[in-house]
Amino acid sequence: MKLAFIIDPIQTLDPCHDTSVALMEAAHVMGHEVWITQANLLSVVAGKAWAIVQRVELVPIELVEGGWIAANPWYTLGKSICMSLETMDAVFMRTDPPVTVSYLYTTYILDYIDQNKTLVINSPSGIRAANEKMYALQFTKVIPETIVTADKQIIRDFVEAKGTAVLKPLGNKAGEGILILQPGDRNLNSIIELSTLRGGVPVMVQNFIPEAKQGDKRIILLDGKPIGAVNRLSASGEFRNNMAAGGTVAKTEITPKEHEICSEVAETLRQDGLVFVGIDVIGGYLTEVNVTSPTGIREIDRLENIRLAHVVMKWVEQTKNL
């Protein structure tokens, strides 16, 4: 197969952490052609999506005494050529959020790939529909009590009713801008004003889940089915469990309750073309649905001594052979 990956500049990726590298590496090891490009290198010509791409060959990382070790250099690039993306068997959209205007324009370009010829993972229309905070709101049975608003009084009333709440900007990533709200905080009004740009931008506010201190579980779903999970734990003095905020990871299992959550979201994900997804679960509640460039594979593989990216590539192989 020929596979294209739309990624951030490859030299900025961490082969021991980034799921994009794990996917590319698995494809390369399994004998497939791996091509890379960037969002700003995409075009529409004669009604079709094209990209300036480079063939990449990767040196697989190795697990040594419980840690990943990468070669230096860990990749080799071929020359740049312009190619129709419909010549690919699959295209993986793996540009990191935030979902800016430029990001949205990229999804519009990807609409000009005939998905009867080429798989696009994840579906560009699905990515547009699935704000990673807002998308979870439709699954009312499995989310904590949540509001989305720019109104200061509505937020204050919610915080006073719940005692403690968590504020999340709708467009950020990696735990950026997440704040704890408490009714007795003299800075509460200022926090709300700053986060909503003085009532101009809505934010999400959720009931605080005490079990957050036990971790924030990332569950990887492939075609709606859970294939692995990792528990993320906050650093000392930090309430956010995100790895980007200094959090650590621990081995975990998917509980019966979490399997129910996966089943609850599975059909909607499939309908929206969201094939490779990471959901976040705290204390038995769904808190986010990550669809842009969900990560966690390297951490799960290291803890479980498995290769989840190979599972993903086998699914692509089977899907293309239908």
C-alpha atoms as a PDB file:
ATOM      1  CA  MET A   1       0.000   0.000   0.000  1.00  0.00           C
ATOM      2  CA  LYS A   2       0.906   3.657  -0.390  1.00  0.00           C
ATOM      3  CA  LEU A   3       0.127   5.741   2.680  1.00  0.00           C
ATOM      4  CA  ALA A   4       0.361   9.507   3.120  1.00  0.00           C
ATOM      5  CA  PHE A   5       0.633  11.201   6.497  1.00  0.00           C
ATOM      6  CA  ILE A   6      -0.183  14.892   6.914  1.00  0.00           C
ATOM      7  CA  ILE A   7       1.967  15.790   9.889  1.00  0.00           C
ATOM      8  CA  ASP A   8       3.750  18.678  11.547  1.00  0.00           C
ATOM      9  CA  PRO A   9       7.359  19.102  10.353  1.00  0.00           C
ATOM     10  CA  ILE A  10       8.948  15.691  10.858  1.00  0.00           C
ATOM     11  CA  GLN A  11      12.021  17.137  12.577  1.00  0.00           C
ATOM     12  CA  THR A  12       9.754  18.423  15.371  1.00  0.00           C
ATOM     13  CA  LEU A  13       8.305  14.981  16.122  1.00  0.00           C
ATOM     14  CA  ASP A  14       9.509  12.776  18.979  1.00  0.00           C
ATOM     15  CA  PRO A  15       9.871   9.182  17.729  1.00  0.00           C
ATOM     16  CA  CYS A  16       9.661   7.858  21.294  1.00  0.00           C
ATOM     17  CA  HIS A  17       6.361   9.627  22.007  1.00  0.00           C
ATOM     18  CA  ASP A  18       4.452  10.656  18.897  1.00  0.00           C
ATOM     19  CA  THR A  19       1.716   8.330  17.713  1.00  0.00           C
ATOM     20  CA  SER A  20       2.152   9.648  14.165  1.00  0.00           C
ATOM     21  CA  VAL A  21       5.666   8.210  14.127  1.00  0.00           C
ATOM     22  CA  ALA A  22       4.402   4.910  15.532  1.00  0.00           C
ATOM     23  CA  LEU A  23       1.858   4.639  12.704  1.00  0.00           C
ATOM     24  CA  MET A  24       4.393   5.514  10.022  1.00  0.00           C
ATOM     25  CA  GLU A  25       6.931   3.126  11.497  1.00  0.00           C
ATOM     26  CA  ALA A  26       4.425   0.253  11.572  1.00  0.00           C
ATOM     27  CA  ALA A  27       3.487   0.867   7.941  1.00  0.00           C
ATOM     28  CA  HIS A  28       7.163   0.924   6.933  1.00  0.00           C
ATOM     29  CA  VAL A  29       7.988  -2.268   8.858  1.00  0.00           C
ATOM     30  CA  MET A  30       5.004  -4.012   7.237  1.00  0.00           C
ATOM     31  CA  GLY A  31       6.383  -3.215   3.795  1.00  0.00           C
ATOM     32  CA  HIS A  32       4.194  -0.286   2.769  1.00  0.00           C
ATOM     33  CA  GLU A  33       5.312   2.962   1.143  1.00  0.00           C
ATOM     34  CA  VAL A  34       5.182   5.863   3.590  1.00  0.00           C
ATOM     35  CA  TRP A  35       4.901   9.415   2.291  1.00  0.00           C
ATOM     36  CA  ILE A  36       4.711  12.604   4.354  1.00  0.00           C
ATOM     37  CA  THR A  37       3.414  16.087   3.717  1.00  0.00           C
ATOM     38  CA  GLN A  38       2.219  19.121   5.665  1.00  0.00           C
ATOM     39  CA  ALA A  39      -1.056  20.993   5.693  1.00  0.00           C
ATOM     40  CA  ASN A  40       0.416  24.006   3.884  1.00  0.00           C
ATOM     41  CA  LEU A  41       1.636  21.746   1.051  1.00  0.00           C
ATOM     42  CA  LEU A  42      -1.869  20.657  -0.007  1.00  0.00           C
ATOM     43  CA  SER A  43      -3.704  22.010  -3.053  1.00  0.00           C
ATOM     44  CA  VAL A  44      -6.809  21.456  -5.151  1.00  0.00           C
ATOM     45  CA  VAL A  45      -6.058  21.133  -8.866  1.00  0.00           C
ATOM     46  CA  ALA A  46      -8.706  20.236 -11.464  1.00  0.00           C
ATOM     47  CA  GLY A  47     -11.118  19.333  -8.690  1.00  0.00           C
ATOM     48  CA  LYS A  48      -8.749  16.894  -6.943  1.00  0.00           C
ATOM     49  CA  ALA A  49      -6.573  17.092  -3.815  1.00  0.00           C
ATOM     50  CA  TRP A  50      -2.838  17.156  -4.462  1.00  0.00           C
ATOM     51  CA  ALA A  51       0.152  17.480  -2.144  1.00  0.00           C
ATOM     52  CA  ILE A  52       3.891  17.982  -2.259  1.00  0.00           C
ATOM     53  CA  VAL A  53       5.065  14.749  -0.647  1.00  0.00           C
ATOM     54  CA  GLN A  54       8.303  13.029   0.308  1.00  0.00           C
ATOM     55  CA  ARG A  55       8.948   9.325   0.681  1.00  0.00           C
ATOM     56  CA  VAL A  56      10.236   8.540   4.167  1.00  0.00           C
ATOM     57  CA  GLU A  57      12.037   5.504   5.520  1.00  0.00           C
ATOM     58  CA  LEU A  58      12.194   5.000   9.260  1.00  0.00           C
ATOM     59  CA  VAL A  59      14.475   3.180  11.670  1.00  0.00           C
ATOM     60  CA  PRO A  60      12.228   1.479  14.256  1.00  0.00           C
ATOM     61  CA  ILE A  61      12.742   2.500  17.850  1.00  0.00           C
ATOM     62  CA  GLU A  62      13.739  -0.176  20.367  1.00  0.00           C
ATOM     63  CA  LEU A  63      12.549  -0.935  23.887  1.00  0.00           C
ATOM     64  CA  VAL A  64      15.582  -1.089  26.163  1.00  0.00           C
ATOM     65  CA  GLU A  65      15.172  -1.625  29.928  1.00  0.00           C
ATOM     66  CA  GLY A  66      11.636  -0.244  29.866  1.00  0.00           C
ATOM     67  CA  GLY A  67      12.380   2.838  27.772  1.00  0.00           C
ATOM     68  CA  TRP A  68      12.281   3.682  24.081  1.00  0.00           C
ATOM     69  CA  ILE A  69      15.570   4.313  22.297  1.00  0.00           C
ATOM     70  CA  ALA A  70      15.621   5.936  18.861  1.00  0.00           C
ATOM     71  CA  ALA A  71      18.369   5.869  16.256  1.00  0.00           C
ATOM     72  CA  ASN A  72      20.019   9.131  15.231  1.00  0.00           C
ATOM     73  CA  PRO A  73      18.915   9.890  12.576  1.00  0.00           C
ATOM     74  CA  TRP A  74      15.671   7.940  12.832  1.00  0.00           C
ATOM     75  CA  TYR A  75      14.342   8.813   9.368  1.00  0.00           C
ATOM     76  CA  THR A  76      15.553   9.367   5.806  1.00  0.00           C
ATOM     77  CA  LEU A  77      13.674  11.544   3.322  1.00  0.00           C
ATOM     78  CA  GLY A  78      13.407  11.243  -0.432  1.00  0.00           C
ATOM     79  CA  LYS A  79      12.977  14.090  -2.884  1.00  0.00           C
ATOM     80  CA  SER A  80       9.826  16.237  -2.934  1.00  0.00           C
ATOM     81  CA  ILE A  81       7.303  15.549  -5.672  1.00  0.00           C
ATOM     82  CA  CYS A  82       3.750  16.714  -6.344  1.00  0.00           C
ATOM     83  CA  MET A  83       1.250  13.861  -6.299  1.00  0.00           C
ATOM     84  CA  SER A  84      -2.516  13.376  -6.350  1.00  0.00           C
ATOM     85  CA  LEU A  85      -3.613  12.108  -2.951  1.00  0.00           C
ATOM     86  CA  GLU A  86      -5.999   9.731  -4.708  1.00  0.00           C
ATOM     87  CA  THR A  87      -2.953   7.696  -5.740  1.00  0.00           C
ATOM     88  CA  MET A  88      -2.658   6.766  -2.052  1.00  0.00           C
ATOM     89  CA  ASP A  89      -4.463   3.845  -0.460  1.00  0.00           C
ATOM     90  CA  ALA A  90      -4.943   5.871   2.707  1.00  0.00           C
ATOM     91  CA  VAL A  91      -4.287   9.399   3.950  1.00  0.00           C
ATOM     92  CA  PHE A  92      -3.840  10.038   7.656  1.00  0.00           C
ATOM     93  CA  MET A  93      -4.656  13.567   8.834  1.00  0.00           C
ATOM     94  CA  ARG A  94      -2.285  13.916  11.795  1.00  0.00           C
ATOM     95  CA  THR A  95      -1.654  17.659  12.112  1.00  0.00           C
ATOM     96  CA  ASP A  96      -1.759  18.652  15.770  1.00  0.00           C
ATOM     97  CA  PRO A  97      -4.491  20.985  17.025  1.00  0.00           C
ATOM     98  CA  PRO A  98      -5.575  23.684  17.723  1.00  0.00           C
ATOM     99  CA  VAL A  99      -8.157  23.642  14.950  1.00  0.00           C
ATOM    100  CA  THR A 100      -7.449  27.030  13.432  1.00  0.00           C
ATOM    101  CA  VAL A 101      -8.867  28.530  10.234  1.00  0.00           C
ATOM    102  CA  SER A 102      -5.859  27.096   8.381  1.00  0.00           C
ATOM    103  CA  TYR A 103      -6.622  23.678   9.842  1.00  0.00           C
ATOM    104  CA  LEU A 104     -10.235  23.900   8.674  1.00  0.00           C
ATOM    105  CA  TYR A 105      -9.130  24.896   5.181  1.00  0.00           C
ATOM    106  CA  THR A 106      -7.001  21.749   5.098  1.00  0.00           C
ATOM    107  CA  THR A 107     -10.069  19.626   5.828  1.00  0.00           C
ATOM    108  CA  TYR A 108     -11.882  21.346   2.947  1.00  0.00           C
ATOM    109  CA  ILE A 109      -9.049  20.367   0.610  1.00  0.00           C
ATOM    110  CA  LEU A 110      -9.246  16.780   1.856  1.00  0.00           C
ATOM    111  CA  ASP A 111     -12.928  16.737   0.863  1.00  0.00           C
ATOM    112  CA  TYR A 112     -11.624  16.574  -2.729  1.00  0.00           C
ATOM    113  CA  ILE A 113     -10.321  13.047  -2.217  1.00  0.00           C
ATOM    114  CA  ASP A 114     -12.704  10.351  -3.448  1.00  0.00           C
ATOM    115  CA  GLN A 115     -13.061   8.183  -0.351  1.00  0.00           C
ATOM    116  CA  ASN A 116     -14.239   5.307  -2.528  1.00  0.00           C
ATOM    117  CA  LYS A 117     -10.659   5.231  -3.798  1.00  0.00           C
ATOM    118  CA  THR A 118      -8.657   6.452  -0.813  1.00  0.00           C
ATOM    119  CA  LEU A 119      -9.331   6.109   2.916  1.00  0.00           C
ATOM    120  CA  VAL A 120      -9.031   9.407   4.783  1.00  0.00           C
ATOM    121  CA  ILE A 121      -8.414   8.906   8.498  1.00  0.00           C
ATOM    122  CA  ASN A 122     -10.078  10.715  10.081  1.00  0.00           C
ATOM    123  CA  SER A 123     -12.849  11.940   7.790  1.00  0.00           C
ATOM    124  CA  PRO A 124     -12.417  15.680   7.118  1.00  0.00           C
ATOM    125  CA  SER A 125     -16.133  16.306   7.659  1.00  0.00           C
ATOM    126  CA  GLY A 126     -15.962  14.291  10.877  1.00  0.00           C
ATOM    127  CA  ILE A 127     -13.046  16.365  12.146  1.00  0.00           C
ATOM    128  CA  ARG A 128     -14.965  19.563  11.408  1.00  0.00           C
ATOM    129  CA  ALA A 129     -18.021  18.258  13.259  1.00  0.00           C
ATOM    130  CA  ALA A 130     -16.138  16.984  16.269  1.00  0.00           C
ATOM    131  CA  ASN A 131     -14.789  19.787  18.417  1.00  0.00           C
ATOM    132  CA  GLU A 132     -12.921  17.702  20.955  1.00  0.00           C
ATOM    133  CA  LYS A 133     -14.745  19.273  23.889  1.00  0.00           C
ATOM    134  CA  MET A 134     -18.204  19.841  22.390  1.00  0.00           C
ATOM    135  CA  TYR A 135     -18.507  16.473  20.643  1.00  0.00           C
ATOM    136  CA  ALA A 136     -18.818  14.645  23.970  1.00  0.00           C
ATOM    137  CA  LEU A 137     -21.948  16.622  24.924  1.00  0.00           C
ATOM    138  CA  GLN A 138     -24.209  14.438  22.767  1.00  0.00           C
ATOM    139  CA  PHE A 139     -23.433  11.418  24.958  1.00  0.00           C
ATOM    140  CA  THR A 140     -25.435  12.701  27.908  1.00  0.00           C
ATOM    141  CA  LYS A 141     -25.598   9.319  29.672  1.00  0.00           C
ATOM    142  CA  VAL A 142     -21.845   9.100  30.163  1.00  0.00           C
ATOM    143  CA  ILE A 143     -20.544  12.656  30.685  1.00  0.00           C
ATOM    144  CA  PRO A 144     -20.332  14.665  33.938  1.00  0.00           C
ATOM    145  CA  GLU A 145     -22.704  17.597  34.442  1.00  0.00           C
ATOM    146  CA  THR A 146     -21.554  20.165  31.905  1.00  0.00           C
ATOM    147  CA  ILE A 147     -22.444  23.601  30.615  1.00  0.00           C
ATOM    148  CA  VAL A 148     -21.074  25.598  27.694  1.00  0.00           C
ATOM    149  CA  THR A 149     -21.546  29.356  27.868  1.00  0.00           C
ATOM    150  CA  ALA A 150     -19.863  32.750  27.748  1.00  0.00           C
ATOM    151  CA  ASP A 151     -22.209  34.189  30.392  1.00  0.00           C
ATOM    152  CA  LYS A 152     -20.452  34.984  33.670  1.00  0.00           C
ATOM    153  CA  GLN A 153     -23.546  34.659  35.837  1.00  0.00           C
ATOM    154  CA  ILE A 154     -24.463  31.254  34.419  1.00  0.00           C
ATOM    155  CA  ILE A 155     -20.925  30.052  35.155  1.00  0.00           C
ATOM    156  CA  ARG A 156     -21.002  31.507  38.672  1.00  0.00           C
ATOM    157  CA  ASP A 157     -24.356  29.870  39.387  1.00  0.00           C
ATOM    158  CA  PHE A 158     -23.025  26.513  38.197  1.00  0.00           C
ATOM    159  CA  VAL A 159     -19.875  26.782  40.300  1.00  0.00           C
ATOM    160  CA  GLU A 160     -21.837  27.793  43.403  1.00  0.00           C
ATOM    161  CA  ALA A 161     -24.227  24.873  42.895  1.00  0.00           C
ATOM    162  CA  LYS A 162     -21.436  22.299  42.419  1.00  0.00           C
ATOM    163  CA  GLY A 163     -18.861  23.652  44.850  1.00  0.00           C
ATOM    164  CA  THR A 164     -15.922  22.961  42.558  1.00  0.00           C
ATOM    165  CA  ALA A 165     -15.871  22.933  38.759  1.00  0.00           C
ATOM    166  CA  VAL A 166     -13.375  22.720  35.919  1.00  0.00           C
ATOM    167  CA  LEU A 167     -13.256  25.330  33.147  1.00  0.00           C
ATOM    168  CA  LYS A 168     -11.970  24.264  29.718  1.00  0.00           C
ATOM    169  CA  PRO A 169     -11.429  26.509  26.682  1.00  0.00           C
ATOM    170  CA  LEU A 170     -13.117  24.888  23.683  1.00  0.00           C
ATOM    171  CA  GLY A 171     -10.234  25.290  21.249  1.00  0.00           C
ATOM    172  CA  ASN A 172      -7.120  24.472  23.259  1.00  0.00           C
ATOM    173  CA  LYS A 173      -5.101  21.274  23.510  1.00  0.00           C
ATOM    174  CA  ALA A 174      -2.819  19.434  25.932  1.00  0.00           C
ATOM    175  CA  GLY A 175      -4.503  20.881  29.021  1.00  0.00           C
ATOM    176  CA  GLU A 176      -3.846  24.500  28.026  1.00  0.00           C
ATOM    177  CA  GLY A 177      -6.080  26.977  29.833  1.00  0.00           C
ATOM    178  CA  ILE A 178      -7.854  24.416  32.045  1.00  0.00           C
ATOM    179  CA  LEU A 179      -8.680  25.968  35.409  1.00  0.00           C
ATOM    180  CA  ILE A 180     -10.240  24.951  38.715  1.00  0.00           C
ATOM    181  CA  LEU A 181     -13.178  27.160  39.738  1.00  0.00           C
ATOM    182  CA  GLN A 182     -14.363  27.513  43.341  1.00  0.00           C
ATOM    183  CA  PRO A 183     -17.116  29.806  44.648  1.00  0.00           C
ATOM    184  CA  GLY A 184     -14.952  31.335  47.389  1.00  0.00           C
ATOM    185  CA  ASP A 185     -12.136  32.351  45.060  1.00  0.00           C
ATOM    186  CA  ARG A 186     -11.813  36.133  44.982  1.00  0.00           C
ATOM    187  CA  ASN A 187     -10.391  35.812  41.474  1.00  0.00           C
ATOM    188  CA  LEU A 188     -13.412  33.927  40.128  1.00  0.00           C
ATOM    189  CA  ASN A 189     -14.869  36.855  38.185  1.00  0.00           C
ATOM    190  CA  SER A 190     -11.491  37.692  36.679  1.00  0.00           C
ATOM    191  CA  ILE A 191     -10.865  34.062  35.713  1.00  0.00           C
ATOM    192  CA  ILE A 192     -14.205  33.879  33.942  1.00  0.00           C
ATOM    193  CA  GLU A 193     -13.679  37.222  32.198  1.00  0.00           C
ATOM    194  CA  LEU A 194     -10.218  36.252  30.978  1.00  0.00           C
ATOM    195  CA  SER A 195     -11.301  32.786  29.812  1.00  0.00           C
ATOM    196  CA  THR A 196     -14.390  34.051  27.954  1.00  0.00           C
ATOM    197  CA  LEU A 197     -12.686  37.199  26.636  1.00  0.00           C
ATOM    198  CA  ARG A 198     -15.177  39.239  28.656  1.00  0.00           C
ATOM    199  CA  GLY A 199     -18.187  37.247  27.574  1.00  0.00           C
ATOM    200  CA  GLY A 200     -17.224  37.015  23.912  1.00  0.00           C
ATOM    201  CA  VAL A 201     -16.222  33.334  23.670  1.00  0.00           C
ATOM    202  CA  PRO A 202     -18.008  30.340  25.228  1.00  0.00           C
ATOM    203  CA  VAL A 203     -16.145  27.904  27.456  1.00  0.00           C
ATOM    204  CA  MET A 204     -16.968  24.492  28.859  1.00  0.00           C
ATOM    205  CA  VAL A 205     -17.504  24.137  32.603  1.00  0.00           C
ATOM    206  CA  GLN A 206     -17.826  20.671  34.115  1.00  0.00           C
ATOM    207  CA  ASN A 207     -18.587  19.346  37.547  1.00  0.00           C
ATOM    208  CA  PHE A 208     -15.261  18.490  39.208  1.00  0.00           C
ATOM    209  CA  ILE A 209     -14.687  14.730  39.402  1.00  0.00           C
ATOM    210  CA  PRO A 210     -12.782  13.848  42.609  1.00  0.00           C
ATOM    211  CA  GLU A 211     -11.450  10.654  41.018  1.00  0.00           C
ATOM    212  CA  ALA A 212      -9.279  12.869  38.797  1.00  0.00           C
ATOM    213  CA  LYS A 213      -6.533  12.485  41.394  1.00  0.00           C
ATOM    214  CA  GLN A 214      -6.449   8.785  40.470  1.00  0.00           C
ATOM    215  CA  GLY A 215      -5.750   9.635  36.855  1.00  0.00           C
ATOM    216  CA  ASP A 216      -7.205  10.504  33.479  1.00  0.00           C
ATOM    217  CA  LYS A 217      -7.508   7.432  31.277  1.00  0.00           C
ATOM    218  CA  ARG A 218      -6.831   7.672  27.536  1.00  0.00           C
ATOM    219  CA  ILE A 219      -8.572   4.873  25.616  1.00  0.00           C
ATOM    220  CA  ILE A 220      -7.670   4.342  21.958  1.00  0.00           C
ATOM    221  CA  LEU A 221     -10.569   3.349  19.709  1.00  0.00           C
ATOM    222  CA  LEU A 222     -10.192   1.863  16.232  1.00  0.00           C
ATOM    223  CA  ASP A 223     -13.383   1.794  14.185  1.00  0.00           C
ATOM    224  CA  GLY A 224     -15.340   2.237  17.420  1.00  0.00           C
ATOM    225  CA  LYS A 225     -13.609  -0.591  19.300  1.00  0.00           C
ATOM    226  CA  PRO A 226     -11.159  -0.108  22.197  1.00  0.00           C
ATOM    227  CA  ILE A 227      -7.697  -1.474  21.440  1.00  0.00           C
ATOM    228  CA  GLY A 228      -5.659  -0.114  24.343  1.00  0.00           C
ATOM    229  CA  ALA A 229      -5.517   2.326  27.245  1.00  0.00           C
ATOM    230  CA  VAL A 230      -3.113   4.226  29.457  1.00  0.00           C
ATOM    231  CA  ASN A 231      -3.671   6.085  32.726  1.00  0.00           C
ATOM    232  CA  ARG A 232      -2.213   9.584  32.926  1.00  0.00           C
ATOM    233  CA  LEU A 233      -1.276  10.929  36.365  1.00  0.00           C
ATOM    234  CA  SER A 234      -0.630  14.536  37.304  1.00  0.00           C
ATOM    235  CA  ALA A 235       2.757  15.856  38.318  1.00  0.00           C
ATOM    236  CA  SER A 236       3.361  17.075  41.857  1.00  0.00           C
ATOM    237  CA  GLY A 237       1.544  20.344  42.502  1.00  0.00           C
ATOM    238  CA  GLU A 238      -0.477  20.010  39.276  1.00  0.00           C
ATOM    239  CA  PHE A 239      -4.148  19.009  38.919  1.00  0.00           C
ATOM    240  CA  ARG A 240      -4.000  18.398  35.144  1.00  0.00           C
ATOM    241  CA  ASN A 241      -3.149  14.851  34.102  1.00  0.00           C
ATOM    242  CA  ASN A 242      -1.955  15.732  30.599  1.00  0.00           C
ATOM    243  CA  MET A 243       1.466  14.423  29.563  1.00  0.00           C
ATOM    244  CA  ALA A 244       2.174  17.843  28.056  1.00  0.00           C
ATOM    245  CA  ALA A 245       1.671  19.331  31.532  1.00  0.00           C
ATOM    246  CA  GLY A 246       4.335  17.086  33.047  1.00  0.00           C
ATOM    247  CA  GLY A 247       2.092  14.138  33.858  1.00  0.00           C
ATOM    248  CA  THR A 248       3.304  10.549  34.020  1.00  0.00           C
ATOM    249  CA  VAL A 249       1.685   7.368  32.711  1.00  0.00           C
ATOM    250  CA  ALA A 250       0.786   4.048  34.282  1.00  0.00           C
ATOM    251  CA  LYS A 251      -0.435   0.693  33.081  1.00  0.00           C
ATOM    252  CA  THR A 252      -4.184   0.207  33.314  1.00  0.00           C
ATOM    253  CA  GLU A 253      -7.133  -1.891  32.195  1.00  0.00           C
ATOM    254  CA  ILE A 254     -10.409  -0.942  30.543  1.00  0.00           C
ATOM    255  CA  THR A 255     -13.183  -1.430  33.100  1.00  0.00           C
ATOM    256  CA  PRO A 256     -16.684  -2.737  32.343  1.00  0.00           C
ATOM    257  CA  LYS A 257     -18.024   0.808  32.796  1.00  0.00           C
ATOM    258  CA  GLU A 258     -15.475   2.122  30.300  1.00  0.00           C
ATOM    259  CA  HIS A 259     -16.432  -0.597  27.820  1.00  0.00           C
ATOM    260  CA  GLU A 260     -20.005   0.704  28.132  1.00  0.00           C
ATOM    261  CA  ILE A 261     -18.775   4.217  27.316  1.00  0.00           C
ATOM    262  CA  CYS A 262     -16.953   2.885  24.253  1.00  0.00           C
ATOM    263  CA  SER A 263     -20.119   1.141  23.111  1.00  0.00           C
ATOM    264  CA  GLU A 264     -22.124   4.315  23.685  1.00  0.00           C
ATOM    265  CA  VAL A 265     -19.935   6.365  21.336  1.00  0.00           C
ATOM    266  CA  ALA A 266     -18.988   3.694  18.772  1.00  0.00           C
ATOM    267  CA  GLU A 267     -21.814   3.981  16.251  1.00  0.00           C
ATOM    268  CA  THR A 268     -21.718   7.788  16.176  1.00  0.00           C
ATOM    269  CA  LEU A 269     -17.960   7.701  15.569  1.00  0.00           C
ATOM    270  CA  ARG A 270     -18.419   5.286  12.685  1.00  0.00           C
ATOM    271  CA  GLN A 271     -21.185   7.382  11.147  1.00  0.00           C
ATOM    272  CA  ASP A 272     -18.926  10.451  11.288  1.00  0.00           C
ATOM    273  CA  GLY A 273     -15.952   8.635   9.756  1.00  0.00           C
ATOM    274  CA  LEU A 274     -13.892   8.942  12.928  1.00  0.00           C
ATOM    275  CA  VAL A 275     -11.810   5.777  12.686  1.00  0.00           C
ATOM    276  CA  PHE A 276      -8.852   6.493  14.981  1.00  0.00           C
ATOM    277  CA  VAL A 277      -9.964   8.227  18.174  1.00  0.00           C
ATOM    278  CA  GLY A 278      -8.758   8.748  21.719  1.00  0.00           C
ATOM    279  CA  ILE A 279     -11.393   9.210  24.391  1.00  0.00           C
ATOM    280  CA  ASP A 280     -10.602  10.551  27.858  1.00  0.00           C
ATOM    281  CA  VAL A 281     -12.337   9.035  30.877  1.00  0.00           C
ATOM    282  CA  ILE A 282     -12.180  10.184  34.498  1.00  0.00           C
ATOM    283  CA  GLY A 283     -13.980   8.347  37.290  1.00  0.00           C
ATOM    284  CA  GLY A 284     -16.241   6.502  34.868  1.00  0.00           C
ATOM    285  CA  TYR A 285     -17.218   9.655  32.947  1.00  0.00           C
ATOM    286  CA  LEU A 286     -16.399  10.590  29.364  1.00  0.00           C
ATOM    287  CA  THR A 287     -14.727  14.007  29.354  1.00  0.00           C
ATOM    288  CA  GLU A 288     -13.304  14.446  25.822  1.00  0.00           C
ATOM    289  CA  VAL A 289     -13.261  12.828  22.386  1.00  0.00           C
ATOM    290  CA  ASN A 290      -9.937  13.413  20.601  1.00  0.00           C
ATOM    291  CA  VAL A 291     -10.113  13.103  16.814  1.00  0.00           C
ATOM    292  CA  THR A 292      -7.437  15.376  15.332  1.00  0.00           C
ATOM    293  CA  SER A 293      -4.180  13.615  16.203  1.00  0.00           C
ATOM    294  CA  PRO A 294      -4.908  11.432  19.249  1.00  0.00           C
ATOM    295  CA  THR A 295      -1.797  10.173  20.988  1.00  0.00           C
ATOM    296  CA  GLY A 296      -0.903   7.522  23.568  1.00  0.00           C
ATOM    297  CA  ILE A 297       0.212   4.557  21.451  1.00  0.00           C
ATOM    298  CA  ARG A 298       3.896   4.757  22.382  1.00  0.00           C
ATOM    299  CA  GLU A 299       3.060   4.848  26.087  1.00  0.00           C
ATOM    300  CA  ILE A 300       0.635   1.919  25.850  1.00  0.00           C
ATOM    301  CA  ASP A 301       3.112  -0.120  23.794  1.00  0.00           C
ATOM    302  CA  ARG A 302       5.908   0.530  26.291  1.00  0.00           C
ATOM    303  CA  LEU A 303       3.827  -0.502  29.291  1.00  0.00           C
ATOM    304  CA  GLU A 304       2.114  -3.484  27.658  1.00  0.00           C
ATOM    305  CA  ASN A 305       4.927  -4.620  25.329  1.00  0.00           C
ATOM    306  CA  ILE A 306       2.575  -4.588  22.335  1.00  0.00           C
ATOM    307  CA  ARG A 307       2.445  -2.759  18.986  1.00  0.00           C
ATOM    308  CA  LEU A 308      -0.909  -1.024  18.568  1.00  0.00           C
ATOM    309  CA  ALA A 309       0.134   0.780  15.383  1.00  0.00           C
ATOM    310  CA  HIS A 310       0.453  -2.616  13.711  1.00  0.00           C
ATOM    311  CA  VAL A 311      -3.160  -3.307  14.695  1.00  0.00           C
ATOM    312  CA  VAL A 312      -4.175  -0.058  12.998  1.00  0.00           C
ATOM    313  CA  MET A 313      -2.250  -0.893   9.823  1.00  0.00           C
ATOM    314  CA  LYS A 314      -3.733  -4.392   9.678  1.00  0.00           C
ATOM    315  CA  TRP A 315      -7.177  -2.807   9.876  1.00  0.00           C
ATOM    316  CA  VAL A 316      -6.280  -0.530   6.947  1.00  0.00           C
ATOM    317  CA  GLU A 317      -5.039  -3.545   4.970  1.00  0.00           C
ATOM    318  CA  GLN A 318      -8.227  -5.472   5.634  1.00  0.00           C
ATOM    319  CA  THR A 319     -10.424  -2.483   4.807  1.00  0.00           C
ATOM    320  CA  LYS A 320      -8.645  -1.878   1.495  1.00  0.00           C
ATOM    321  CA  ASN A 321      -8.978  -5.551   0.563  1.00  0.00           C
ATOM    322  CA  LEU A 322     -12.783  -5.541   0.960  1.00  0.00           C
END
